[in-house]
PDB file of N, CA and C in Angstrom:
ATOM      1  N   MET A   1      -6.083  -4.492  17.787  1.00  0.00           N
ATOM      2  CA  MET A   1      -6.868  -5.511  17.030  1.00  0.00           C
ATOM      3  C   MET A   1      -6.429  -5.610  15.565  1.00  0.00           C
ATOM      4  N   THR A   2      -6.209  -6.896  15.169  1.00  0.00           N
ATOM      5  CA  THR A   2      -5.805  -7.022  13.929  1.00  0.00           C
ATOM      6  C   THR A   2      -6.984  -6.994  12.881  1.00  0.00           C
ATOM      7  N   THR A   3      -6.669  -6.252  11.705  1.00  0.00           N
ATOM      8  CA  THR A   3      -7.703  -6.136  10.537  1.00  0.00           C
ATOM      9  C   THR A   3      -7.273  -6.962   9.480  1.00  0.00           C
ATOM     10  N   THR A   4      -8.103  -7.802   8.872  1.00  0.00           N
ATOM     11  CA  THR A   4      -7.829  -8.498   7.823  1.00  0.00           C
ATOM     12  C   THR A   4      -8.698  -8.050   6.510  1.00  0.00           C
ATOM     13  N   THR A   5      -7.844  -7.921   5.288  1.00  0.00           N
ATOM     14  CA  THR A   5      -8.350  -7.613   3.950  1.00  0.00           C
ATOM     15  C   THR A   5      -8.075  -8.538   3.022  1.00  0.00           C
ATOM     16  N   VAL A   6      -9.077  -8.729   2.197  1.00  0.00           N
ATOM     17  CA  VAL A   6      -8.856  -9.584   1.088  1.00  0.00           C
ATOM     18  C   VAL A   6      -9.145  -8.961   0.101  1.00  0.00           C
ATOM     19  N   VAL A   7      -8.128  -8.886  -0.996  1.00  0.00           N
ATOM     20  CA  VAL A   7      -8.487  -7.985  -2.186  1.00  0.00           C
ATOM     21  C   VAL A   7      -8.514  -8.955  -3.497  1.00  0.00           C
ATOM     22  N   ARG A   8      -9.208  -8.993  -4.476  1.00  0.00           N
ATOM     23  CA  ARG A   8      -8.934  -9.512  -5.706  1.00  0.00           C
ATOM     24  C   ARG A   8      -9.411  -8.816  -6.941  1.00  0.00           C
ATOM     25  N   TYR A   9      -8.652  -9.181  -7.733  1.00  0.00           N
ATOM     26  CA  TYR A   9      -8.641  -8.293  -9.095  1.00  0.00           C
ATOM     27  C   TYR A   9      -7.998  -9.054 -10.238  1.00  0.00           C
ATOM     28  N   ARG A  10      -8.436  -8.876 -11.496  1.00  0.00           N
ATOM     29  CA  ARG A  10      -7.732  -9.597 -12.730  1.00  0.00           C
ATOM     30  C   ARG A  10      -7.171  -8.381 -13.362  1.00  0.00           C
ATOM     31  N   VAL A  11      -6.019  -8.626 -13.988  1.00  0.00           N
ATOM     32  CA  VAL A  11      -5.165  -7.633 -14.854  1.00  0.00           C
ATOM     33  C   VAL A  11      -5.170  -7.959 -16.180  1.00  0.00           C
ATOM     34  N   HIS A  12      -4.868  -7.032 -16.984  1.00  0.00           N
ATOM     35  CA  HIS A  12      -4.928  -7.300 -18.602  1.00  0.00           C
ATOM     36  C   HIS A  12      -3.727  -8.570 -18.672  1.00  0.00           C
ATOM     37  N   PRO A  13      -4.062  -9.466 -19.611  1.00  0.00           N
ATOM     38  CA  PRO A  13      -2.992 -10.448 -19.812  1.00  0.00           C
ATOM     39  C   PRO A  13      -1.756  -9.846 -20.135  1.00  0.00           C
ATOM     40  N   ASP A  14      -1.373  -8.879 -20.686  1.00  0.00           N
ATOM     41  CA  ASP A  14      -0.193  -8.437 -21.147  1.00  0.00           C
ATOM     42  C   ASP A  14       0.488  -7.405 -19.745  1.00  0.00           C
ATOM     43  N   GLU A  15      -0.321  -7.534 -18.889  1.00  0.00           N
ATOM     44  CA  GLU A  15       0.191  -6.764 -17.539  1.00  0.00           C
ATOM     45  C   GLU A  15       0.675  -7.872 -16.401  1.00  0.00           C
ATOM     46  N   ALA A  16       0.082  -9.088 -16.483  1.00  0.00           N
ATOM     47  CA  ALA A  16       0.154  -9.962 -15.340  1.00  0.00           C
ATOM     48  C   ALA A  16       1.721 -10.376 -14.873  1.00  0.00           C
ATOM     49  N   ASP A  17       2.615 -10.261 -15.755  1.00  0.00           N
ATOM     50  CA  ASP A  17       4.035 -10.578 -15.378  1.00  0.00           C
ATOM     51  C   ASP A  17       4.481  -9.368 -14.736  1.00  0.00           C
ATOM     52  N   ARG A  18       4.091  -8.204 -15.405  1.00  0.00           N
ATOM     53  CA  ARG A  18       4.752  -6.930 -14.636  1.00  0.00           C
ATOM     54  C   ARG A  18       4.067  -6.626 -13.081  1.00  0.00           C
ATOM     55  N   ASN A  19       2.752  -7.001 -13.118  1.00  0.00           N
ATOM     56  CA  ASN A  19       2.011  -6.936 -11.742  1.00  0.00           C
ATOM     57  C   ASN A  19       2.602  -7.954 -10.840  1.00  0.00           C
ATOM     58  N   ALA A  20       2.925  -9.174 -11.228  1.00  0.00           N
ATOM     59  CA  ALA A  20       3.682 -10.290 -10.353  1.00  0.00           C
ATOM     60  C   ALA A  20       5.026  -9.489  -9.779  1.00  0.00           C
ATOM     61  N   GLU A  21       5.847  -9.009 -10.588  1.00  0.00           N
ATOM     62  CA  GLU A  21       7.017  -8.385 -10.327  1.00  0.00           C
ATOM     63  C   GLU A  21       6.890  -7.315  -9.339  1.00  0.00           C
ATOM     64  N   LEU A  22       5.982  -6.342  -9.471  1.00  0.00           N
ATOM     65  CA  LEU A  22       5.525  -5.502  -8.692  1.00  0.00           C
ATOM     66  C   LEU A  22       5.277  -5.950  -7.011  1.00  0.00           C
ATOM     67  N   VAL A  23       4.486  -6.825  -7.205  1.00  0.00           N
ATOM     68  CA  VAL A  23       4.030  -7.734  -5.864  1.00  0.00           C
ATOM     69  C   VAL A  23       5.099  -8.597  -5.316  1.00  0.00           C
ATOM     70  N   GLN A  24       6.040  -8.952  -6.026  1.00  0.00           N
ATOM     71  CA  GLN A  24       7.372  -9.723  -5.315  1.00  0.00           C
ATOM     72  C   GLN A  24       8.176  -8.589  -4.933  1.00  0.00           C
ATOM     73  N   ALA A  25       8.384  -7.324  -5.386  1.00  0.00           N
ATOM     74  CA  ALA A  25       9.097  -6.209  -4.866  1.00  0.00           C
ATOM     75  C   ALA A  25       8.647  -5.814  -3.572  1.00  0.00           C
ATOM     76  N   VAL A  26       7.314  -5.940  -3.153  1.00  0.00           N
ATOM     77  CA  VAL A  26       6.663  -5.890  -1.998  1.00  0.00           C
ATOM     78  C   VAL A  26       7.171  -6.615  -1.006  1.00  0.00           C
ATOM     79  N   PHE A  27       7.250  -7.993  -1.305  1.00  0.00           N
ATOM     80  CA  PHE A  27       7.619  -9.255  -0.516  1.00  0.00           C
ATOM     81  C   PHE A  27       9.160  -8.871  -0.184  1.00  0.00           C
ATOM     82  N   SER A  28       9.940  -8.561  -1.302  1.00  0.00           N
ATOM     83  CA  SER A  28      11.317  -8.244  -0.907  1.00  0.00           C
ATOM     84  C   SER A  28      11.650  -7.127   0.169  1.00  0.00           C
ATOM     85  N   GLU A  29      10.754  -6.230  -0.067  1.00  0.00           N
ATOM     86  CA  GLU A  29      10.953  -4.952   0.897  1.00  0.00           C
ATOM     87  C   GLU A  29      10.479  -5.311   2.265  1.00  0.00           C
ATOM     88  N   LEU A  30       9.279  -6.157   2.562  1.00  0.00           N
ATOM     89  CA  LEU A  30       8.981  -6.698   3.894  1.00  0.00           C
ATOM     90  C   LEU A  30       9.956  -7.668   4.453  1.00  0.00           C
ATOM     91  N   GLN A  31      10.815  -8.474   3.572  1.00  0.00           N
ATOM     92  CA  GLN A  31      11.679  -9.317   3.944  1.00  0.00           C
ATOM     93  C   GLN A  31      12.878  -8.572   4.516  1.00  0.00           C
ATOM     94  N   GLU A  32      13.305  -7.338   3.699  1.00  0.00           N
ATOM     95  CA  GLU A  32      14.386  -6.592   4.256  1.00  0.00           C
ATOM     96  C   GLU A  32      14.064  -5.830   5.603  1.00  0.00           C
ATOM     97  N   LEU A  33      12.892  -5.277   5.649  1.00  0.00           N
ATOM     98  CA  LEU A  33      12.591  -4.376   6.861  1.00  0.00           C
ATOM     99  C   LEU A  33      12.129  -5.294   7.906  1.00  0.00           C
ATOM    100  N   GLY A  34      11.285  -6.295   7.789  1.00  0.00           N
ATOM    101  CA  GLY A  34      11.010  -7.151   8.879  1.00  0.00           C
ATOM    102  C   GLY A  34       9.743  -6.559   9.833  1.00  0.00           C
ATOM    103  N   PRO A  35       9.038  -5.766   9.236  1.00  0.00           N
ATOM    104  CA  PRO A  35       8.163  -4.912  10.235  1.00  0.00           C
ATOM    105  C   PRO A  35       7.219  -5.800  10.932  1.00  0.00           C
ATOM    106  N   ALA A  36       6.916  -5.392  12.291  1.00  0.00           N
ATOM    107  CA  ALA A  36       6.080  -6.287  13.163  1.00  0.00           C
ATOM    108  C   ALA A  36       4.758  -5.651  12.630  1.00  0.00           C
ATOM    109  N   GLY A  37       3.731  -6.675  13.040  1.00  0.00           N
ATOM    110  CA  GLY A  37       2.343  -6.322  12.757  1.00  0.00           C
ATOM    111  C   GLY A  37       1.726  -6.455  11.507  1.00  0.00           C
ATOM    112  N   ILE A  38       2.474  -7.044  10.421  1.00  0.00           N
ATOM    113  CA  ILE A  38       1.991  -7.423   9.224  1.00  0.00           C
ATOM    114  C   ILE A  38       2.336  -8.740   8.709  1.00  0.00           C
ATOM    115  N   ALA A  39       1.011  -9.306   8.198  1.00  0.00           N
ATOM    116  CA  ALA A  39       1.188 -10.487   7.642  1.00  0.00           C
ATOM    117  C   ALA A  39       0.553 -10.352   6.280  1.00  0.00           C
ATOM    118  N   TYR A  40       1.058 -10.811   5.014  1.00  0.00           N
ATOM    119  CA  TYR A  40       0.766 -10.582   3.764  1.00  0.00           C
ATOM    120  C   TYR A  40       1.110 -11.665   3.035  1.00  0.00           C
ATOM    121  N   THR A  41       0.073 -12.185   2.078  1.00  0.00           N
ATOM    122  CA  THR A  41       0.155 -13.194   1.260  1.00  0.00           C
ATOM    123  C   THR A  41      -0.616 -13.051  -0.210  1.00  0.00           C
ATOM    124  N   SER A  42       0.221 -13.345  -1.181  1.00  0.00           N
ATOM    125  CA  SER A  42      -0.423 -13.051  -2.462  1.00  0.00           C
ATOM    126  C   SER A  42      -0.468 -14.423  -3.217  1.00  0.00           C
ATOM    127  N   TYR A  43      -1.560 -14.245  -4.178  1.00  0.00           N
ATOM    128  CA  TYR A  43      -1.548 -15.623  -5.024  1.00  0.00           C
ATOM    129  C   TYR A  43      -2.195 -14.903  -6.722  1.00  0.00           C
ATOM    130  N   ARG A  44      -1.313 -15.780  -7.398  1.00  0.00           N
ATOM    131  CA  ARG A  44      -1.623 -15.484  -8.881  1.00  0.00           C
ATOM    132  C   ARG A  44      -2.432 -16.582  -9.372  1.00  0.00           C
ATOM    133  N   LEU A  45      -3.461 -16.477  -9.732  1.00  0.00           N
ATOM    134  CA  LEU A  45      -4.505 -17.518 -10.296  1.00  0.00           C
ATOM    135  C   LEU A  45      -3.991 -17.650 -11.811  1.00  0.00           C
ATOM    136  N   GLU A  46      -4.358 -18.901 -12.248  1.00  0.00           N
ATOM    137  CA  GLU A  46      -4.401 -19.013 -13.791  1.00  0.00           C
ATOM    138  C   GLU A  46      -5.129 -18.288 -14.597  1.00  0.00           C
ATOM    139  N   ASP A  47      -6.010 -17.688 -14.282  1.00  0.00           N
ATOM    140  CA  ASP A  47      -6.745 -16.663 -15.371  1.00  0.00           C
ATOM    141  C   ASP A  47      -6.353 -15.432 -15.105  1.00  0.00           C
ATOM    142  N   GLY A  48      -5.321 -15.126 -14.433  1.00  0.00           N
ATOM    143  CA  GLY A  48      -4.926 -13.702 -14.361  1.00  0.00           C
ATOM    144  C   GLY A  48      -5.406 -12.987 -13.242  1.00  0.00           C
ATOM    145  N   THR A  49      -6.153 -13.675 -12.562  1.00  0.00           N
ATOM    146  CA  THR A  49      -6.689 -12.967 -11.062  1.00  0.00           C
ATOM    147  C   THR A  49      -5.639 -13.101 -10.204  1.00  0.00           C
ATOM    148  N   PHE A  50      -5.534 -12.085  -9.307  1.00  0.00           N
ATOM    149  CA  PHE A  50      -4.472 -11.859  -8.270  1.00  0.00           C
ATOM    150  C   PHE A  50      -5.547 -11.851  -7.216  1.00  0.00           C
ATOM    151  N   VAL A  51      -4.947 -12.613  -5.955  1.00  0.00           N
ATOM    152  CA  VAL A  51      -5.722 -12.197  -4.657  1.00  0.00           C
ATOM    153  C   VAL A  51      -4.579 -11.987  -3.631  1.00  0.00           C
ATOM    154  N   HIS A  52      -4.887 -11.144  -2.738  1.00  0.00           N
ATOM    155  CA  HIS A  52      -4.149 -10.858  -1.720  1.00  0.00           C
ATOM    156  C   HIS A  52      -4.738 -10.770  -0.392  1.00  0.00           C
ATOM    157  N   VAL A  53      -4.091 -11.242   0.727  1.00  0.00           N
ATOM    158  CA  VAL A  53      -4.545 -11.302   1.909  1.00  0.00           C
ATOM    159  C   VAL A  53      -3.637 -10.509   2.811  1.00  0.00           C
ATOM    160  N   ALA A  54      -4.261  -9.338   3.550  1.00  0.00           N
ATOM    161  CA  ALA A  54      -3.256  -8.557   4.470  1.00  0.00           C
ATOM    162  C   ALA A  54      -3.842  -8.697   5.863  1.00  0.00           C
ATOM    163  N   GLU A  55      -3.092  -8.976   6.745  1.00  0.00           N
ATOM    164  CA  GLU A  55      -3.649  -8.912   8.181  1.00  0.00           C
ATOM    165  C   GLU A  55      -2.316  -7.621   8.859  1.00  0.00           C
ATOM    166  N   GLU A  56      -2.998  -6.743   9.405  1.00  0.00           N
ATOM    167  CA  GLU A  56      -2.378  -5.823   9.994  1.00  0.00           C
ATOM    168  C   GLU A  56      -2.782  -5.392  11.335  1.00  0.00           C
ATOM    169  N   ASP A  57      -1.950  -5.127  12.127  1.00  0.00           N
ATOM    170  CA  ASP A  57      -2.447  -4.660  13.565  1.00  0.00           C
ATOM    171  C   ASP A  57      -2.906  -3.208  13.748  1.00  0.00           C
ATOM    172  N   SER A  58      -2.571  -2.596  12.708  1.00  0.00           N
ATOM    173  CA  SER A  58      -3.373  -1.328  12.634  1.00  0.00           C
ATOM    174  C   SER A  58      -3.670  -0.876  11.002  1.00  0.00           C
ATOM    175  N   PRO A  59      -4.618  -0.773  10.551  1.00  0.00           N
ATOM    176  CA  PRO A  59      -5.033  -0.188   9.138  1.00  0.00           C
ATOM    177  C   PRO A  59      -3.968   0.654   8.456  1.00  0.00           C
ATOM    178  N   GLY A  60      -3.361   0.209   7.175  1.00  0.00           N
ATOM    179  CA  GLY A  60      -2.639   1.242   6.394  1.00  0.00           C
ATOM    180  C   GLY A  60      -1.113   0.726   6.656  1.00  0.00           C
ATOM    181  N   ARG A  61      -0.893  -0.164   7.493  1.00  0.00           N
ATOM    182  CA  ARG A  61       0.338  -0.468   7.775  1.00  0.00           C
ATOM    183  C   ARG A  61       1.360  -0.670   6.379  1.00  0.00           C
ATOM    184  N   LEU A  62       0.734  -1.281   5.657  1.00  0.00           N
ATOM    185  CA  LEU A  62       1.232  -1.751   4.351  1.00  0.00           C
ATOM    186  C   LEU A  62       1.645  -0.329   3.407  1.00  0.00           C
ATOM    187  N   ARG A  63       0.825   0.382   3.521  1.00  0.00           N
ATOM    188  CA  ARG A  63       1.036   1.636   2.795  1.00  0.00           C
ATOM    189  C   ARG A  63       2.385   2.399   3.096  1.00  0.00           C
ATOM    190  N   GLU A  64       2.807   1.975   4.231  1.00  0.00           N
ATOM    191  CA  GLU A  64       4.104   2.559   4.588  1.00  0.00           C
ATOM    192  C   GLU A  64       5.333   2.088   3.975  1.00  0.00           C
ATOM    193  N   ILE A  65       5.066   0.991   3.290  1.00  0.00           N
ATOM    194  CA  ILE A  65       6.236   0.041   2.537  1.00  0.00           C
ATOM    195  C   ILE A  65       6.246   0.838   0.968  1.00  0.00           C
ATOM    196  N   ALA A  66       7.326   1.346   0.666  1.00  0.00           N
ATOM    197  CA  ALA A  66       7.589   2.011  -0.591  1.00  0.00           C
ATOM    198  C   ALA A  66       7.277   1.121  -1.809  1.00  0.00           C
ATOM    199  N   ALA A  67       7.757  -0.226  -1.730  1.00  0.00           N
ATOM    200  CA  ALA A  67       7.339  -1.028  -2.695  1.00  0.00           C
ATOM    201  C   ALA A  67       5.637  -1.052  -3.012  1.00  0.00           C
ATOM    202  N   PHE A  68       5.174  -1.336  -1.827  1.00  0.00           N
ATOM    203  CA  PHE A  68       3.714  -1.175  -1.851  1.00  0.00           C
ATOM    204  C   PHE A  68       3.038  -0.040  -2.576  1.00  0.00           C
ATOM    205  N   ARG A  69       3.376   1.170  -2.128  1.00  0.00           N
ATOM    206  CA  ARG A  69       2.847   2.349  -2.832  1.00  0.00           C
ATOM    207  C   ARG A  69       3.196   2.084  -4.318  1.00  0.00           C
ATOM    208  N   ALA A  70       4.356   1.523  -4.814  1.00  0.00           N
ATOM    209  CA  ALA A  70       4.651   1.839  -6.274  1.00  0.00           C
ATOM    210  C   ALA A  70       3.784   0.811  -6.814  1.00  0.00           C
ATOM    211  N   PHE A  71       3.617  -0.396  -6.207  1.00  0.00           N
ATOM    212  CA  PHE A  71       2.715  -1.585  -6.626  1.00  0.00           C
ATOM    213  C   PHE A  71       1.237  -0.972  -6.983  1.00  0.00           C
ATOM    214  N   ARG A  72       0.690  -0.223  -5.929  1.00  0.00           N
ATOM    215  CA  ARG A  72      -0.533   0.470  -6.013  1.00  0.00           C
ATOM    216  C   ARG A  72      -0.627   1.506  -6.982  1.00  0.00           C
ATOM    217  N   GLU A  73       0.369   2.190  -7.436  1.00  0.00           N
ATOM    218  CA  GLU A  73       0.598   3.359  -8.260  1.00  0.00           C
ATOM    219  C   GLU A  73      -0.372   3.393  -9.421  1.00  0.00           C
ATOM    220  N   HIS A  74      -0.249   2.476 -10.294  1.00  0.00           N
ATOM    221  CA  HIS A  74      -1.023   2.673 -11.639  1.00  0.00           C
ATOM    222  C   HIS A  74      -1.693   0.934 -11.755  1.00  0.00           C
ATOM    223  N   LEU A  75      -2.208   0.425 -10.386  1.00  0.00           N
ATOM    224  CA  LEU A  75      -2.853  -0.841 -10.461  1.00  0.00           C
ATOM    225  C   LEU A  75      -4.287  -0.621 -11.047  1.00  0.00           C
ATOM    226  N   ASP A  76      -4.972   0.480 -10.970  1.00  0.00           N
ATOM    227  CA  ASP A  76      -6.056   0.538 -11.861  1.00  0.00           C
ATOM    228  C   ASP A  76      -5.945   0.506 -13.348  1.00  0.00           C
ATOM    229  N   ALA A  77      -4.956   0.892 -13.946  1.00  0.00           N
ATOM    230  CA  ALA A  77      -4.730   1.050 -15.231  1.00  0.00           C
ATOM    231  C   ALA A  77      -4.351  -0.562 -15.689  1.00  0.00           C
ATOM    232  N   ARG A  78      -3.808  -1.269 -14.745  1.00  0.00           N
ATOM    233  CA  ARG A  78      -3.083  -2.756 -15.039  1.00  0.00           C
ATOM    234  C   ARG A  78      -4.615  -3.733 -15.124  1.00  0.00           C
ATOM    235  N   CYS A  79      -5.561  -3.169 -14.223  1.00  0.00           N
ATOM    236  CA  CYS A  79      -6.708  -4.015 -14.085  1.00  0.00           C
ATOM    237  C   CYS A  79      -7.406  -4.261 -15.262  1.00  0.00           C
ATOM    238  N   GLU A  80      -8.026  -5.382 -15.598  1.00  0.00           N
ATOM    239  CA  GLU A  80      -9.171  -5.800 -16.627  1.00  0.00           C
ATOM    240  C   GLU A  80     -10.563  -5.588 -15.818  1.00  0.00           C
ATOM    241  N   GLU A  81     -10.401  -5.948 -14.522  1.00  0.00           N
ATOM    242  CA  GLU A  81     -11.694  -5.818 -13.857  1.00  0.00           C
ATOM    243  C   GLU A  81     -11.418  -5.076 -12.611  1.00  0.00           C
ATOM    244  N   PRO A  82     -12.309  -4.233 -11.929  1.00  0.00           N
ATOM    245  CA  PRO A  82     -12.230  -3.688 -10.839  1.00  0.00           C
ATOM    246  C   PRO A  82     -11.690  -4.378  -9.521  1.00  0.00           C
ATOM    247  N   LEU A  83     -11.009  -3.864  -8.606  1.00  0.00           N
ATOM    248  CA  LEU A  83     -10.661  -4.576  -7.383  1.00  0.00           C
ATOM    249  C   LEU A  83     -11.961  -4.658  -6.603  1.00  0.00           C
ATOM    250  N   VAL A  84     -11.835  -5.789  -5.967  1.00  0.00           N
ATOM    251  CA  VAL A  84     -12.829  -6.110  -4.959  1.00  0.00           C
ATOM    252  C   VAL A  84     -12.300  -6.534  -3.647  1.00  0.00           C
ATOM    253  N   ARG A  85     -12.491  -5.598  -2.684  1.00  0.00           N
ATOM    254  CA  ARG A  85     -11.918  -5.456  -1.365  1.00  0.00           C
ATOM    255  C   ARG A  85     -12.825  -5.745  -0.379  1.00  0.00           C
ATOM    256  N   ARG A  86     -12.657  -6.700   0.215  1.00  0.00           N
ATOM    257  CA  ARG A  86     -13.582  -7.259   1.657  1.00  0.00           C
ATOM    258  C   ARG A  86     -12.763  -7.414   2.903  1.00  0.00           C
ATOM    259  N   SER A  87     -13.297  -6.922   3.939  1.00  0.00           N
ATOM    260  CA  SER A  87     -12.819  -7.333   5.278  1.00  0.00           C
ATOM    261  C   SER A  87     -13.130  -8.746   5.587  1.00  0.00           C
ATOM    262  N   ALA A  88     -12.115  -9.408   6.274  1.00  0.00           N
ATOM    263  CA  ALA A  88     -12.428 -10.809   6.560  1.00  0.00           C
ATOM    264  C   ALA A  88     -12.092 -11.086   7.968  1.00  0.00           C
ATOM    265  N   GLU A  89     -12.754 -12.322   8.450  1.00  0.00           N
ATOM    266  CA  GLU A  89     -12.341 -12.599   9.824  1.00  0.00           C
ATOM    267  C   GLU A  89     -11.625 -14.085   9.586  1.00  0.00           C
ATOM    268  N   ARG A  90     -10.559 -14.198  10.256  1.00  0.00           N
ATOM    269  CA  ARG A  90      -9.665 -15.458  10.211  1.00  0.00           C
ATOM    270  C   ARG A  90     -10.549 -16.619  10.966  1.00  0.00           C
ATOM    271  N   ILE A  91     -10.867 -17.676  10.485  1.00  0.00           N
ATOM    272  CA  ILE A  91     -11.327 -18.713  11.280  1.00  0.00           C
ATOM    273  C   ILE A  91     -10.316 -19.757  11.790  1.00  0.00           C
ATOM    274  N   GLY A  92      -9.402 -19.681  10.895  1.00  0.00           N
ATOM    275  CA  GLY A  92      -8.239 -20.469  11.320  1.00  0.00           C
ATOM    276  C   GLY A  92      -7.229 -20.495  10.302  1.00  0.00           C
ATOM    277  N   SER A  93      -5.953 -21.078  10.651  1.00  0.00           N
ATOM    278  CA  SER A  93      -4.995 -21.131   9.688  1.00  0.00           C
ATOM    279  C   SER A  93      -4.028 -22.454  10.177  1.00  0.00           C
ATOM    280  N   TYR A  94      -3.616 -23.102   9.168  1.00  0.00           N
ATOM    281  CA  TYR A  94      -2.713 -24.155   9.527  1.00  0.00           C
ATOM    282  C   TYR A  94      -1.452 -24.053   8.559  1.00  0.00           C
ATOM    283  N   ARG A  95      -0.243 -24.215   9.080  1.00  0.00           N
ATOM    284  CA  ARG A  95       1.007 -24.309   8.191  1.00  0.00           C
ATOM    285  C   ARG A  95       1.708 -25.262   9.111  1.00  0.00           C
ATOM    286  N   PRO A  96       2.017 -26.331   8.030  1.00  0.00           N
ATOM    287  CA  PRO A  96       2.775 -27.480   8.719  1.00  0.00           C
ATOM    288  C   PRO A  96       4.097 -27.001   9.083  1.00  0.00           C
ATOM    289  N   GLY A  97       5.117 -27.710   9.802  1.00  0.00           N
ATOM    290  CA  GLY A  97       6.286 -27.287  10.452  1.00  0.00           C
ATOM    291  C   GLY A  97       7.281 -26.777   9.203  1.00  0.00           C
TER     292      GLY A  97
END
């Protein structure tokens, strides 16, 4: 059964670019490894808020990715507001050709 988690947080303004770099490293490693059972999307909003959506066929799969562990390592210190983590149920998805 796939689990979906949505995480939202705002980083300190001087940490936004560094946070984005760390997130990009996660995507680079995912691209390189091509693990099955993981779908991951991240957004950077104009106010410094980041939103991540992870779908995993078993919880904790992302933590197996070294770049994800590096991203999480000092995340609390980069945050201006605490993380808000919620489980979610996908209603639908559309991605044109």
